[in-house]
Amino acid sequence: MKKILPKYSELNKGEKINSLKGFGHNLMSVWNQVRFIISKAITYKDDIEMLNIVEDYIRQFHQFDKKSLKFRYLIDKELNILLKKTMKIDLKNLRERMEEIYIYFKG
């Protein structure tokens, strides 16, 4: 997503730089900008449906891990444990959804 914004956004260079710096790892902030860019290029009803599916995936990731730390670190900078309870993650399903998102953005 951070590749789409500078390449296709109508913002000037300074605005693009400030936007990218301000996002950090907040997926929804980045997505809101990218969705606007993508939605302007949509011409078919199926494309809108796929856009909404991708948004749902991104929203789920964001809700689970707003700062993009839980899959990477055991603790945060204040030494708080990030995952306080044992969780089961369907890695096959996660991989398939990630591949769908990758193909969407690559395509």
Protein backbone atom coordinates (compact mmCIF):
# COMPACT_ATOMS: atom_id res chain seq x y z
CA MET A 1 0.00 0.00 0.00
CA LYS A 2 2.85 2.35 0.78
CA LYS A 3 4.06 1.87 -2.78
CA ILE A 4 0.69 2.80 -4.31
CA LEU A 5 0.32 6.07 -2.44
CA PRO A 6 3.43 7.87 -3.73
CA LYS A 7 3.08 6.43 -7.22
CA TYR A 8 -0.60 7.22 -7.86
CA SER A 9 -1.61 9.90 -5.37
CA GLU A 10 -2.39 13.39 -6.63
CA LEU A 11 -0.68 14.90 -3.57
CA ASN A 12 2.46 16.92 -4.15
CA LYS A 13 5.83 15.42 -3.14
CA GLY A 14 5.92 17.09 0.27
CA GLU A 15 2.39 15.94 1.10
CA LYS A 16 3.24 12.39 0.04
CA ILE A 17 6.31 12.37 2.28
CA ASN A 18 4.36 13.72 5.26
CA SER A 19 1.59 11.18 4.72
CA LEU A 20 3.99 8.26 4.59
CA LYS A 21 5.81 9.45 7.71
CA GLY A 22 2.55 9.91 9.58
CA PHE A 23 1.15 6.45 8.87
CA GLY A 24 3.73 4.44 10.75
CA HIS A 25 2.34 0.89 10.80
CA ASN A 26 -1.31 1.94 11.00
CA LEU A 27 -2.89 -0.15 8.26
CA MET A 28 -6.23 1.63 8.27
CA SER A 29 -4.66 5.06 7.86
CA VAL A 30 -2.71 3.88 4.84
CA TRP A 31 -5.68 1.94 3.48
CA ASN A 32 -8.01 4.94 3.63
CA GLN A 33 -5.68 6.88 1.34
CA VAL A 34 -5.06 3.94 -0.97
CA ARG A 35 -8.75 3.02 -1.16
CA PHE A 36 -9.52 6.51 -2.42
CA ILE A 37 -6.91 6.12 -5.18
CA ILE A 38 -8.10 2.64 -6.17
CA SER A 39 -11.79 3.51 -6.06
CA LYS A 40 -11.27 6.26 -8.64
CA ALA A 41 -9.96 3.65 -11.09
CA ILE A 42 -12.76 1.10 -10.55
CA THR A 43 -15.02 0.52 -13.53
CA TYR A 44 -16.72 -2.82 -12.80
CA LYS A 45 -19.08 -3.93 -10.04
CA ASP A 46 -16.86 -6.96 -9.29
CA ASP A 47 -13.95 -4.60 -8.63
CA ILE A 48 -15.96 -2.83 -5.93
CA GLU A 49 -16.77 -6.16 -4.29
CA MET A 50 -13.09 -7.15 -4.27
CA LEU A 51 -12.13 -3.73 -2.90
CA ASN A 52 -14.53 -4.32 0.00
CA ILE A 53 -13.12 -7.82 0.63
CA VAL A 54 -9.57 -6.47 0.76
CA GLU A 55 -10.73 -3.72 3.11
CA ASP A 56 -12.29 -6.31 5.41
CA TYR A 57 -9.00 -8.25 5.56
CA ILE A 58 -7.06 -5.08 6.30
CA ARG A 59 -9.58 -4.06 8.98
CA GLN A 60 -9.25 -7.46 10.66
CA PHE A 61 -5.45 -7.20 10.74
CA HIS A 62 -5.69 -3.67 12.06
CA GLN A 63 -8.16 -4.58 14.81
CA PHE A 64 -5.98 -7.46 15.95
CA ASP A 65 -2.67 -5.59 15.81
CA LYS A 66 -3.08 -1.82 15.50
CA LYS A 67 0.65 -1.10 15.82
CA SER A 68 1.91 -4.07 13.80
CA LEU A 69 3.86 -5.48 16.74
CA LYS A 70 2.13 -8.67 17.87
CA PHE A 71 3.45 -10.90 15.12
CA ARG A 72 6.95 -9.49 15.46
CA TYR A 73 7.63 -8.95 19.18
CA LEU A 74 6.83 -10.55 22.52
CA ILE A 75 6.70 -7.20 24.37
CA ASP A 76 6.24 -3.54 23.50
CA LYS A 77 8.58 -0.64 24.36
CA GLU A 78 7.00 -0.32 27.81
CA LEU A 79 7.69 -4.03 28.47
CA ASN A 80 4.01 -4.95 28.24
CA ILE A 81 3.32 -8.46 26.96
CA LEU A 82 1.60 -8.11 23.59
CA LEU A 83 -0.28 -11.43 23.48
CA LYS A 84 -1.61 -12.05 26.96
CA LYS A 85 -3.34 -15.31 26.19
CA THR A 86 -2.57 -18.29 24.04
CA MET A 87 -4.10 -18.00 20.61
CA LYS A 88 -4.51 -20.45 17.79
CA ILE A 89 -3.95 -19.09 14.32
CA ASP A 90 -4.91 -21.03 11.22
CA LEU A 91 -1.66 -20.47 9.35
CA LYS A 92 -2.95 -22.02 6.13
CA ASN A 93 -5.92 -19.65 6.09
CA LEU A 94 -3.70 -16.70 7.02
CA ARG A 95 -1.32 -17.54 4.18
CA GLU A 96 -4.17 -17.85 1.68
CA ARG A 97 -5.66 -14.49 2.70
CA MET A 98 -2.23 -12.83 2.55
CA GLU A 99 -1.72 -14.25 -0.93
CA GLU A 100 -5.10 -12.86 -2.00
CA ILE A 101 -4.13 -9.42 -0.74
CA TYR A 102 -0.72 -9.68 -2.40
CA ILE A 103 -2.28 -10.64 -5.74
CA TYR A 104 -4.82 -7.84 -5.43
CA PHE A 105 -2.15 -5.18 -4.94
CA LYS A 106 0.23 -6.75 -7.45
CA GLY A 107 -2.50 -6.93 -10.10
